[in-house]
Amino acid sequence: MTDSHFRSLAKAVSYRVLGSAATAVVVYLFSGNVPLSASVGGLDMVIKIVLYFLHERIWNHIPFGRPKRPEYEI
């Protein structure tokens, strides 16, 4: 079973919101600059959502680690 495009996108967005918030906090801790940290966090989120979505869609076509379907079903 593969995930729908919408599910892959929802997973990408939810994961990146958390990850990008962490990135923004780290940038703020190093720079003390709120606008810079917000900009880096926002750009990080957009780029990585696209990359994660593409990654998920590619992996849906790779059978590695998935159980094999039976050769026939009754």
PDB file of N, CA and C in Angstrom:
ATOM      1  N   MET A   1       0.844  -1.180   0.000  1.00  0.00           N
ATOM      2  CA  MET A   1       0.000   0.000   0.000  1.00  0.00           C
ATOM      3  C   MET A   1       0.894   1.249   0.000  1.00  0.00           C
ATOM      4  N   THR A   2       0.570   2.189  -0.824  1.00  0.00           N
ATOM      5  CA  THR A   2       1.350   3.432  -0.874  1.00  0.00           C
ATOM      6  C   THR A   2       0.535   4.577  -0.285  1.00  0.00           C
ATOM      7  N   ASP A   3       1.256   5.566   0.193  1.00  0.00           N
ATOM      8  CA  ASP A   3       0.588   6.767   0.708  1.00  0.00           C
ATOM      9  C   ASP A   3       0.078   7.604  -0.446  1.00  0.00           C
ATOM     10  N   SER A   4      -1.010   8.329  -0.198  1.00  0.00           N
ATOM     11  CA  SER A   4      -1.510   9.268  -1.201  1.00  0.00           C
ATOM     12  C   SER A   4      -0.572  10.471  -1.264  1.00  0.00           C
ATOM     13  N   HIS A   5      -0.670  11.231  -2.342  1.00  0.00           N
ATOM     14  CA  HIS A   5       0.139  12.442  -2.460  1.00  0.00           C
ATOM     15  C   HIS A   5      -0.167  13.401  -1.307  1.00  0.00           C
ATOM     16  N   PHE A   6      -1.443  13.505  -0.952  1.00  0.00           N
ATOM     17  CA  PHE A   6      -1.842  14.417   0.120  1.00  0.00           C
ATOM     18  C   PHE A   6      -1.236  13.985   1.454  1.00  0.00           C
ATOM     19  N   ARG A   7      -1.231  12.678   1.737  1.00  0.00           N
ATOM     20  CA  ARG A   7      -0.641  12.187   2.986  1.00  0.00           C
ATOM     21  C   ARG A   7       0.865  12.458   3.013  1.00  0.00           C
ATOM     22  N   SER A   8       1.543  12.231   1.891  1.00  0.00           N
ATOM     23  CA  SER A   8       2.978  12.511   1.828  1.00  0.00           C
ATOM     24  C   SER A   8       3.245  13.988   2.083  1.00  0.00           C
ATOM     25  N   LEU A   9       2.429  14.854   1.514  1.00  0.00           N
ATOM     26  CA  LEU A   9       2.595  16.288   1.717  1.00  0.00           C
ATOM     27  C   LEU A   9       2.321  16.668   3.171  1.00  0.00           C
ATOM     28  N   ALA A  10       1.268  16.102   3.779  1.00  0.00           N
ATOM     29  CA  ALA A  10       0.953  16.400   5.181  1.00  0.00           C
ATOM     30  C   ALA A  10       2.089  15.962   6.098  1.00  0.00           C
ATOM     31  N   LYS A  11       2.670  14.794   5.835  1.00  0.00           N
ATOM     32  CA  LYS A  11       3.797  14.318   6.630  1.00  0.00           C
ATOM     33  C   LYS A  11       5.001  15.239   6.461  1.00  0.00           C
ATOM     34  N   ALA A  12       5.244  15.677   5.246  1.00  0.00           N
ATOM     35  CA  ALA A  12       6.377  16.568   4.982  1.00  0.00           C
ATOM     36  C   ALA A  12       6.213  17.889   5.729  1.00  0.00           C
ATOM     37  N   VAL A  13       5.026  18.467   5.664  1.00  0.00           N
ATOM     38  CA  VAL A  13       4.787  19.766   6.310  1.00  0.00           C
ATOM     39  C   VAL A  13       4.910  19.647   7.825  1.00  0.00           C
ATOM     40  N   SER A  14       4.267  18.629   8.420  1.00  0.00           N
ATOM     41  CA  SER A  14       4.310  18.510   9.878  1.00  0.00           C
ATOM     42  C   SER A  14       5.734  18.267  10.382  1.00  0.00           C
ATOM     43  N   TYR A  15       6.482  17.441   9.676  1.00  0.00           N
ATOM     44  CA  TYR A  15       7.860  17.169  10.069  1.00  0.00           C
ATOM     45  C   TYR A  15       8.733  18.415   9.938  1.00  0.00           C
ATOM     46  N   ARG A  16       8.557  19.151   8.850  1.00  0.00           N
ATOM     47  CA  ARG A  16       9.409  20.310   8.606  1.00  0.00           C
ATOM     48  C   ARG A  16       9.080  21.472   9.521  1.00  0.00           C
ATOM     49  N   VAL A  17       7.850  21.635   9.936  1.00  0.00           N
ATOM     50  CA  VAL A  17       7.539  22.713  10.879  1.00  0.00           C
ATOM     51  C   VAL A  17       8.378  22.527  12.143  1.00  0.00           C
ATOM     52  N   LEU A  18       8.429  21.292  12.635  1.00  0.00           N
ATOM     53  CA  LEU A  18       9.239  21.023  13.822  1.00  0.00           C
ATOM     54  C   LEU A  18      10.724  21.217  13.546  1.00  0.00           C
ATOM     55  N   GLY A  19      11.206  20.658  12.453  1.00  0.00           N
ATOM     56  CA  GLY A  19      12.625  20.763  12.122  1.00  0.00           C
ATOM     57  C   GLY A  19      13.070  22.180  11.849  1.00  0.00           C
ATOM     58  N   SER A  20      12.251  22.938  11.147  1.00  0.00           N
ATOM     59  CA  SER A  20      12.617  24.317  10.813  1.00  0.00           C
ATOM     60  C   SER A  20      12.556  25.222  12.033  1.00  0.00           C
ATOM     61  N   ALA A  21      11.643  24.937  12.947  1.00  0.00           N
ATOM     62  CA  ALA A  21      11.603  25.704  14.192  1.00  0.00           C
ATOM     63  C   ALA A  21      12.900  25.471  14.975  1.00  0.00           C
ATOM     64  N   ALA A  22      13.363  24.232  14.995  1.00  0.00           N
ATOM     65  CA  ALA A  22      14.628  23.932  15.671  1.00  0.00           C
ATOM     66  C   ALA A  22      15.787  24.661  14.997  1.00  0.00           C
ATOM     67  N   THR A  23      15.798  24.678  13.668  1.00  0.00           N
ATOM     68  CA  THR A  23      16.846  25.399  12.932  1.00  0.00           C
ATOM     69  C   THR A  23      16.819  26.889  13.273  1.00  0.00           C
ATOM     70  N   ALA A  24      15.625  27.478  13.302  1.00  0.00           N
ATOM     71  CA  ALA A  24      15.504  28.906  13.612  1.00  0.00           C
ATOM     72  C   ALA A  24      16.020  29.202  15.020  1.00  0.00           C
ATOM     73  N   VAL A  25      15.733  28.320  15.959  1.00  0.00           N
ATOM     74  CA  VAL A  25      16.209  28.523  17.335  1.00  0.00           C
ATOM     75  C   VAL A  25      17.737  28.455  17.384  1.00  0.00           C
ATOM     76  N   VAL A  26      18.315  27.499  16.687  1.00  0.00           N
ATOM     77  CA  VAL A  26      19.777  27.379  16.669  1.00  0.00           C
ATOM     78  C   VAL A  26      20.412  28.630  16.053  1.00  0.00           C
ATOM     79  N   VAL A  27      19.856  29.096  14.934  1.00  0.00           N
ATOM     80  CA  VAL A  27      20.390  30.310  14.296  1.00  0.00           C
ATOM     81  C   VAL A  27      20.270  31.493  15.247  1.00  0.00           C
ATOM     82  N   TYR A  28      19.149  31.590  15.959  1.00  0.00           N
ATOM     83  CA  TYR A  28      18.979  32.689  16.919  1.00  0.00           C
ATOM     84  C   TYR A  28      20.006  32.595  18.052  1.00  0.00           C
ATOM     85  N   LEU A  29      20.237  31.382  18.551  1.00  0.00           N
ATOM     86  CA  LEU A  29      21.208  31.219  19.647  1.00  0.00           C
ATOM     87  C   LEU A  29      22.610  31.631  19.217  1.00  0.00           C
ATOM     88  N   PHE A  30      22.954  31.391  17.967  1.00  0.00           N
ATOM     89  CA  PHE A  30      24.285  31.762  17.478  1.00  0.00           C
ATOM     90  C   PHE A  30      24.381  33.227  17.074  1.00  0.00           C
ATOM     91  N   SER A  31      23.283  33.776  16.541  1.00  0.00           N
ATOM     92  CA  SER A  31      23.362  35.130  15.987  1.00  0.00           C
ATOM     93  C   SER A  31      22.683  36.184  16.862  1.00  0.00           C
ATOM     94  N   GLY A  32      21.673  35.791  17.627  1.00  0.00           N
ATOM     95  CA  GLY A  32      20.891  36.763  18.390  1.00  0.00           C
ATOM     96  C   GLY A  32      20.020  37.637  17.498  1.00  0.00           C
ATOM     97  N   ASN A  33      19.876  37.263  16.241  1.00  0.00           N
ATOM     98  CA  ASN A  33      19.176  38.058  15.244  1.00  0.00           C
ATOM     99  C   ASN A  33      17.857  37.373  14.884  1.00  0.00           C
ATOM    100  N   VAL A  34      16.725  37.932  15.347  1.00  0.00           N
ATOM    101  CA  VAL A  34      15.416  37.323  15.108  1.00  0.00           C
ATOM    102  C   VAL A  34      15.047  37.309  13.628  1.00  0.00           C
ATOM    103  N   PRO A  35      15.174  38.429  12.895  1.00  0.00           N
ATOM    104  CA  PRO A  35      14.814  38.377  11.471  1.00  0.00           C
ATOM    105  C   PRO A  35      15.641  37.350  10.679  1.00  0.00           C
ATOM    106  N   LEU A  36      16.926  37.261  10.990  1.00  0.00           N
ATOM    107  CA  LEU A  36      17.770  36.286  10.311  1.00  0.00           C
ATOM    108  C   LEU A  36      17.317  34.863  10.630  1.00  0.00           C
ATOM    109  N   SER A  37      17.076  34.577  11.898  1.00  0.00           N
ATOM    110  CA  SER A  37      16.675  33.226  12.279  1.00  0.00           C
ATOM    111  C   SER A  37      15.317  32.856  11.676  1.00  0.00           C
ATOM    112  N   ALA A  38      14.381  33.805  11.607  1.00  0.00           N
ATOM    113  CA  ALA A  38      13.078  33.538  10.992  1.00  0.00           C
ATOM    114  C   ALA A  38      13.230  33.293   9.490  1.00  0.00           C
ATOM    115  N   SER A  39      14.092  34.052   8.838  1.00  0.00           N
ATOM    116  CA  SER A  39      14.318  33.871   7.403  1.00  0.00           C
ATOM    117  C   SER A  39      14.959  32.515   7.103  1.00  0.00           C
ATOM    118  N   VAL A  40      15.961  32.167   7.872  1.00  0.00           N
ATOM    119  CA  VAL A  40      16.629  30.870   7.670  1.00  0.00           C
ATOM    120  C   VAL A  40      15.644  29.737   7.944  1.00  0.00           C
ATOM    121  N   GLY A  41      14.874  29.836   9.016  1.00  0.00           N
ATOM    122  CA  GLY A  41      13.879  28.808   9.342  1.00  0.00           C
ATOM    123  C   GLY A  41      12.830  28.668   8.251  1.00  0.00           C
ATOM    124  N   GLY A  42      12.364  29.793   7.713  1.00  0.00           N
ATOM    125  CA  GLY A  42      11.354  29.757   6.645  1.00  0.00           C
ATOM    126  C   GLY A  42      11.889  29.153   5.359  1.00  0.00           C
ATOM    127  N   LEU A  43      13.081  29.570   4.959  1.00  0.00           N
ATOM    128  CA  LEU A  43      13.690  29.021   3.748  1.00  0.00           C
ATOM    129  C   LEU A  43      13.983  27.535   3.913  1.00  0.00           C
ATOM    130  N   ASP A  44      14.485  27.162   5.079  1.00  0.00           N
ATOM    131  CA  ASP A  44      14.745  25.759   5.389  1.00  0.00           C
ATOM    132  C   ASP A  44      13.462  24.931   5.237  1.00  0.00           C
ATOM    133  N   MET A  45      12.348  25.458   5.742  1.00  0.00           N
ATOM    134  CA  MET A  45      11.086  24.735   5.681  1.00  0.00           C
ATOM    135  C   MET A  45      10.636  24.509   4.242  1.00  0.00           C
ATOM    136  N   VAL A  46      10.653  25.528   3.432  1.00  0.00           N
ATOM    137  CA  VAL A  46      10.190  25.413   2.052  1.00  0.00           C
ATOM    138  C   VAL A  46      11.043  24.424   1.261  1.00  0.00           C
ATOM    139  N   ILE A  47      12.342  24.577   1.340  1.00  0.00           N
ATOM    140  CA  ILE A  47      13.242  23.699   0.580  1.00  0.00           C
ATOM    141  C   ILE A  47      13.092  22.247   1.028  1.00  0.00           C
ATOM    142  N   LYS A  48      13.047  22.027   2.323  1.00  0.00           N
ATOM    143  CA  LYS A  48      13.031  20.655   2.818  1.00  0.00           C
ATOM    144  C   LYS A  48      11.669  19.985   2.696  1.00  0.00           C
ATOM    145  N   ILE A  49      10.583  20.751   2.653  1.00  0.00           N
ATOM    146  CA  ILE A  49       9.273  20.146   2.374  1.00  0.00           C
ATOM    147  C   ILE A  49       9.278  19.567   0.968  1.00  0.00           C
ATOM    148  N   VAL A  50       9.787  20.324   0.020  1.00  0.00           N
ATOM    149  CA  VAL A  50       9.849  19.845  -1.367  1.00  0.00           C
ATOM    150  C   VAL A  50      10.731  18.601  -1.459  1.00  0.00           C
ATOM    151  N   LEU A  51      11.899  18.632  -0.835  1.00  0.00           N
ATOM    152  CA  LEU A  51      12.801  17.481  -0.878  1.00  0.00           C
ATOM    153  C   LEU A  51      12.194  16.252  -0.207  1.00  0.00           C
ATOM    154  N   TYR A  52      11.531  16.446   0.938  1.00  0.00           N
ATOM    155  CA  TYR A  52      10.925  15.319   1.640  1.00  0.00           C
ATOM    156  C   TYR A  52       9.783  14.726   0.829  1.00  0.00           C
ATOM    157  N   PHE A  53       8.965  15.558   0.228  1.00  0.00           N
ATOM    158  CA  PHE A  53       7.850  15.080  -0.593  1.00  0.00           C
ATOM    159  C   PHE A  53       8.378  14.233  -1.748  1.00  0.00           C
ATOM    160  N   LEU A  54       9.392  14.726  -2.444  1.00  0.00           N
ATOM    161  CA  LEU A  54       9.971  13.963  -3.549  1.00  0.00           C
ATOM    162  C   LEU A  54      10.583  12.649  -3.045  1.00  0.00           C
ATOM    163  N   HIS A  55      11.258  12.702  -1.921  1.00  0.00           N
ATOM    164  CA  HIS A  55      11.849  11.513  -1.305  1.00  0.00           C
ATOM    165  C   HIS A  55      10.776  10.466  -1.006  1.00  0.00           C
ATOM    166  N   GLU A  56       9.666  10.878  -0.397  1.00  0.00           N
ATOM    167  CA  GLU A  56       8.568   9.970  -0.090  1.00  0.00           C
ATOM    168  C   GLU A  56       7.985   9.343  -1.352  1.00  0.00           C
ATOM    169  N   ARG A  57       7.779  10.151  -2.391  1.00  0.00           N
ATOM    170  CA  ARG A  57       7.172   9.643  -3.625  1.00  0.00           C
ATOM    171  C   ARG A  57       8.100   8.634  -4.309  1.00  0.00           C
ATOM    172  N   ILE A  58       9.387   8.893  -4.279  1.00  0.00           N
ATOM    173  CA  ILE A  58      10.341   7.950  -4.880  1.00  0.00           C
ATOM    174  C   ILE A  58      10.335   6.634  -4.103  1.00  0.00           C
ATOM    175  N   TRP A  59      10.350   6.718  -2.769  1.00  0.00           N
ATOM    176  CA  TRP A  59      10.374   5.506  -1.952  1.00  0.00           C
ATOM    177  C   TRP A  59       9.101   4.674  -2.111  1.00  0.00           C
ATOM    178  N   ASN A  60       7.995   5.277  -2.487  1.00  0.00           N
ATOM    179  CA  ASN A  60       6.776   4.500  -2.727  1.00  0.00           C
ATOM    180  C   ASN A  60       6.930   3.557  -3.908  1.00  0.00           C
ATOM    181  N   HIS A  61       7.925   3.769  -4.750  1.00  0.00           N
ATOM    182  CA  HIS A  61       8.157   2.912  -5.911  1.00  0.00           C
ATOM    183  C   HIS A  61       9.275   1.898  -5.680  1.00  0.00           C
ATOM    184  N   ILE A  62       9.841   1.886  -4.489  1.00  0.00           N
ATOM    185  CA  ILE A  62      10.941   0.976  -4.173  1.00  0.00           C
ATOM    186  C   ILE A  62      10.404  -0.128  -3.257  1.00  0.00           C
ATOM    187  N   PRO A  63      10.512  -1.384  -3.672  1.00  0.00           N
ATOM    188  CA  PRO A  63       9.941  -2.469  -2.873  1.00  0.00           C
ATOM    189  C   PRO A  63      10.776  -2.878  -1.657  1.00  0.00           C
ATOM    190  N   PHE A  64      11.961  -2.327  -1.496  1.00  0.00           N
ATOM    191  CA  PHE A  64      12.856  -2.692  -0.396  1.00  0.00           C
ATOM    192  C   PHE A  64      12.141  -2.648   0.954  1.00  0.00           C
ATOM    193  N   GLY A  65      12.196  -3.769   1.708  1.00  0.00           N
ATOM    194  CA  GLY A  65      11.648  -3.814   3.050  1.00  0.00           C
ATOM    195  C   GLY A  65      10.157  -4.039   3.143  1.00  0.00           C
ATOM    196  N   ARG A  66       9.486  -4.167   2.038  1.00  0.00           N
ATOM    197  CA  ARG A  66       8.046  -4.422   2.040  1.00  0.00           C
ATOM    198  C   ARG A  66       7.802  -5.915   1.883  1.00  0.00           C
ATOM    199  N   PRO A  67       6.763  -6.418   2.543  1.00  0.00           N
ATOM    200  CA  PRO A  67       6.463  -7.834   2.351  1.00  0.00           C
ATOM    201  C   PRO A  67       6.031  -8.086   0.906  1.00  0.00           C
ATOM    202  N   LYS A  68       6.384  -9.260   0.414  1.00  0.00           N
ATOM    203  CA  LYS A  68       6.002  -9.602  -0.958  1.00  0.00           C
ATOM    204  C   LYS A  68       4.547 -10.016  -0.980  1.00  0.00           C
ATOM    205  N   ARG A  69       3.852  -9.633  -2.045  1.00  0.00           N
ATOM    206  CA  ARG A  69       2.476 -10.067  -2.232  1.00  0.00           C
ATOM    207  C   ARG A  69       2.485 -11.537  -2.613  1.00  0.00           C
ATOM    208  N   PRO A  70       1.440 -12.254  -2.203  1.00  0.00           N
ATOM    209  CA  PRO A  70       1.372 -13.657  -2.642  1.00  0.00           C
ATOM    210  C   PRO A  70       1.227 -13.732  -4.163  1.00  0.00           C
ATOM    211  N   GLU A  71       1.709 -14.845  -4.713  1.00  0.00           N
ATOM    212  CA  GLU A  71       1.636 -15.000  -6.166  1.00  0.00           C
ATOM    213  C   GLU A  71       0.196 -15.120  -6.645  1.00  0.00           C
ATOM    214  N   TYR A  72      -0.678 -15.586  -5.764  1.00  0.00           N
ATOM    215  CA  TYR A  72      -2.092 -15.675  -6.112  1.00  0.00           C
ATOM    216  C   TYR A  72      -2.916 -15.502  -4.852  1.00  0.00           C
ATOM    217  N   GLU A  73      -4.150 -15.101  -5.013  1.00  0.00           N
ATOM    218  CA  GLU A  73      -5.062 -14.958  -3.898  1.00  0.00           C
ATOM    219  C   GLU A  73      -6.350 -15.688  -4.220  1.00  0.00           C
ATOM    220  N   ILE A  74      -6.973 -16.224  -3.203  1.00  0.00           N
ATOM    221  CA  ILE A  74      -8.244 -16.942  -3.401  1.00  0.00           C
ATOM    222  C   ILE A  74      -9.382 -16.034  -3.023  1.00  0.00           C
TER     223      ILE A  74
END
